[in-house]
Amino acid sequence: MEKSKFKNLLFNIACSTMACDFDIDEREIDEIKLLAKNTTYFDGIDLTNGLDIFVTNFKDNPQHTLDECINGLGKETLDPVQAMLVLEVVL
């Protein structure tokens, strides 16, 4: 999978993990920002805009937003390293 597409996938998975309990706590947003600051997982992604869009979409239709992220993961073929990175971000 192309690198920027994979980074967007990781970002979407991180956001859906944050919202999986149907509540987005400010501490969870801070954790994603910290992850972005201390790793290269989300390099090249406009984090502020991406988080704003995710939170807005989630507030409008939480189930659809989560389904879209999870289904997006299911449609991709990941190599073993990419699969491990997804697990690392989720955990």
C-alpha atoms as a PDB file:
ATOM      1  CA  MET A   1       0.000   0.000   0.000  1.00  0.00           C
ATOM      2  CA  GLU A   2       1.228   3.460  -0.863  1.00  0.00           C
ATOM      3  CA  LYS A   3       2.815   5.230   2.146  1.00  0.00           C
ATOM      4  CA  SER A   4       0.517   8.274   2.385  1.00  0.00           C
ATOM      5  CA  LYS A   5      -2.579   6.087   1.968  1.00  0.00           C
ATOM      6  CA  PHE A   6      -1.348   3.859   4.786  1.00  0.00           C
ATOM      7  CA  LYS A   7      -0.703   6.855   7.057  1.00  0.00           C
ATOM      8  CA  ASN A   8      -4.267   8.053   6.431  1.00  0.00           C
ATOM      9  CA  LEU A   9      -5.522   4.564   7.226  1.00  0.00           C
ATOM     10  CA  LEU A  10      -3.551   4.575  10.503  1.00  0.00           C
ATOM     11  CA  PHE A  11      -4.972   7.992  11.354  1.00  0.00           C
ATOM     12  CA  ASN A  12      -8.532   6.821  10.692  1.00  0.00           C
ATOM     13  CA  ILE A  13      -7.981   3.699  12.776  1.00  0.00           C
ATOM     14  CA  ALA A  14      -6.558   5.790  15.631  1.00  0.00           C
ATOM     15  CA  CYS A  15      -9.593   8.082  15.490  1.00  0.00           C
ATOM     16  CA  SER A  16     -12.054   5.191  15.396  1.00  0.00           C
ATOM     17  CA  THR A  17     -10.275   3.557  18.334  1.00  0.00           C
ATOM     18  CA  MET A  18     -10.629   6.810  20.242  1.00  0.00           C
ATOM     19  CA  ALA A  19     -14.358   6.868  19.523  1.00  0.00           C
ATOM     20  CA  CYS A  20     -15.173   3.148  19.824  1.00  0.00           C
ATOM     21  CA  ASP A  21     -17.058   3.717  23.085  1.00  0.00           C
ATOM     22  CA  PHE A  22     -19.204   6.364  21.303  1.00  0.00           C
ATOM     23  CA  ASP A  23     -17.619   9.107  23.361  1.00  0.00           C
ATOM     24  CA  ILE A  24     -14.625  11.258  22.504  1.00  0.00           C
ATOM     25  CA  ASP A  25     -12.830  12.545  25.560  1.00  0.00           C
ATOM     26  CA  GLU A  26     -10.444  15.468  25.209  1.00  0.00           C
ATOM     27  CA  ARG A  27      -7.709  13.276  26.737  1.00  0.00           C
ATOM     28  CA  GLU A  28      -8.091  10.869  23.824  1.00  0.00           C
ATOM     29  CA  ILE A  29      -7.605  13.702  21.349  1.00  0.00           C
ATOM     30  CA  ASP A  30      -4.544  14.776  23.311  1.00  0.00           C
ATOM     31  CA  GLU A  31      -3.208  11.217  23.100  1.00  0.00           C
ATOM     32  CA  ILE A  32      -3.519  11.206  19.299  1.00  0.00           C
ATOM     33  CA  LYS A  33      -1.746  14.552  19.163  1.00  0.00           C
ATOM     34  CA  LEU A  34       1.008  13.154  21.389  1.00  0.00           C
ATOM     35  CA  LEU A  35       1.293  10.068  19.191  1.00  0.00           C
ATOM     36  CA  ALA A  36       1.619  12.338  16.151  1.00  0.00           C
ATOM     37  CA  LYS A  37       4.263  14.451  17.858  1.00  0.00           C
ATOM     38  CA  ASN A  38       6.388  11.530  19.064  1.00  0.00           C
ATOM     39  CA  THR A  39       6.123   9.167  16.092  1.00  0.00           C
ATOM     40  CA  THR A  40       6.110   9.287  12.317  1.00  0.00           C
ATOM     41  CA  TYR A  41       2.781   7.458  12.024  1.00  0.00           C
ATOM     42  CA  PHE A  42       0.852  10.494  10.840  1.00  0.00           C
ATOM     43  CA  ASP A  43       3.567  12.451   9.005  1.00  0.00           C
ATOM     44  CA  GLY A  44       2.098  14.516   6.202  1.00  0.00           C
ATOM     45  CA  ILE A  45      -1.420  14.520   7.641  1.00  0.00           C
ATOM     46  CA  ASP A  46      -3.055  17.806   8.627  1.00  0.00           C
ATOM     47  CA  LEU A  47      -3.786  16.568  12.129  1.00  0.00           C
ATOM     48  CA  THR A  48      -5.882  19.509  13.314  1.00  0.00           C
ATOM     49  CA  ASN A  49      -8.094  19.489  10.244  1.00  0.00           C
ATOM     50  CA  GLY A  50      -8.293  15.689  10.212  1.00  0.00           C
ATOM     51  CA  LEU A  51      -9.362  15.545  13.864  1.00  0.00           C
ATOM     52  CA  ASP A  52     -11.911  18.323  13.348  1.00  0.00           C
ATOM     53  CA  ILE A  53     -13.434  16.502  10.377  1.00  0.00           C
ATOM     54  CA  PHE A  54     -13.524  13.187  12.218  1.00  0.00           C
ATOM     55  CA  VAL A  55     -15.119  14.683  15.352  1.00  0.00           C
ATOM     56  CA  THR A  56     -17.722  16.561  13.293  1.00  0.00           C
ATOM     57  CA  ASN A  57     -18.607  13.458  11.280  1.00  0.00           C
ATOM     58  CA  PHE A  58     -18.710  11.391  14.452  1.00  0.00           C
ATOM     59  CA  LYS A  59     -21.072  13.825  16.173  1.00  0.00           C
ATOM     60  CA  ASP A  60     -23.349  13.843  13.125  1.00  0.00           C
ATOM     61  CA  ASN A  61     -23.453  10.073  12.642  1.00  0.00           C
ATOM     62  CA  PRO A  62     -21.259   8.063  15.023  1.00  0.00           C
ATOM     63  CA  GLN A  63     -22.094   4.571  13.794  1.00  0.00           C
ATOM     64  CA  HIS A  64     -21.563   5.440  10.141  1.00  0.00           C
ATOM     65  CA  THR A  65     -18.256   7.171  10.894  1.00  0.00           C
ATOM     66  CA  LEU A  66     -16.902   4.170  12.787  1.00  0.00           C
ATOM     67  CA  ASP A  67     -18.216   1.704  10.214  1.00  0.00           C
ATOM     68  CA  GLU A  68     -16.555   3.667   7.427  1.00  0.00           C
ATOM     69  CA  CYS A  69     -13.170   3.540   9.166  1.00  0.00           C
ATOM     70  CA  ILE A  70     -13.392  -0.132  10.032  1.00  0.00           C
ATOM     71  CA  ASN A  71     -14.684  -1.116   6.594  1.00  0.00           C
ATOM     72  CA  GLY A  72     -11.852   0.876   5.045  1.00  0.00           C
ATOM     73  CA  LEU A  73      -9.373  -1.274   6.930  1.00  0.00           C
ATOM     74  CA  GLY A  74     -11.117  -4.448   5.834  1.00  0.00           C
ATOM     75  CA  LYS A  75     -10.806  -3.487   2.164  1.00  0.00           C
ATOM     76  CA  GLU A  76      -7.029  -3.109   2.292  1.00  0.00           C
ATOM     77  CA  THR A  77      -4.348  -5.746   1.958  1.00  0.00           C
ATOM     78  CA  LEU A  78      -1.651  -5.101   4.526  1.00  0.00           C
ATOM     79  CA  ASP A  79       1.783  -6.600   4.654  1.00  0.00           C
ATOM     80  CA  PRO A  80       2.875  -8.041   8.031  1.00  0.00           C
ATOM     81  CA  VAL A  81       4.677  -4.852   9.087  1.00  0.00           C
ATOM     82  CA  GLN A  82       1.658  -2.690   8.270  1.00  0.00           C
ATOM     83  CA  ALA A  83      -0.612  -5.059  10.184  1.00  0.00           C
ATOM     84  CA  MET A  84       1.641  -4.807  13.233  1.00  0.00           C
ATOM     85  CA  LEU A  85       1.652  -0.999  12.989  1.00  0.00           C
ATOM     86  CA  VAL A  86      -2.163  -0.992  12.925  1.00  0.00           C
ATOM     87  CA  LEU A  87      -2.154  -3.122  16.086  1.00  0.00           C
ATOM     88  CA  GLU A  88       0.365  -0.809  17.717  1.00  0.00           C
ATOM     89  CA  VAL A  89      -1.762   2.264  17.009  1.00  0.00           C
ATOM     90  CA  VAL A  90      -4.949   0.533  18.197  1.00  0.00           C
ATOM     91  CA  LEU A  91      -3.387  -0.598  21.447  1.00  0.00           C
END
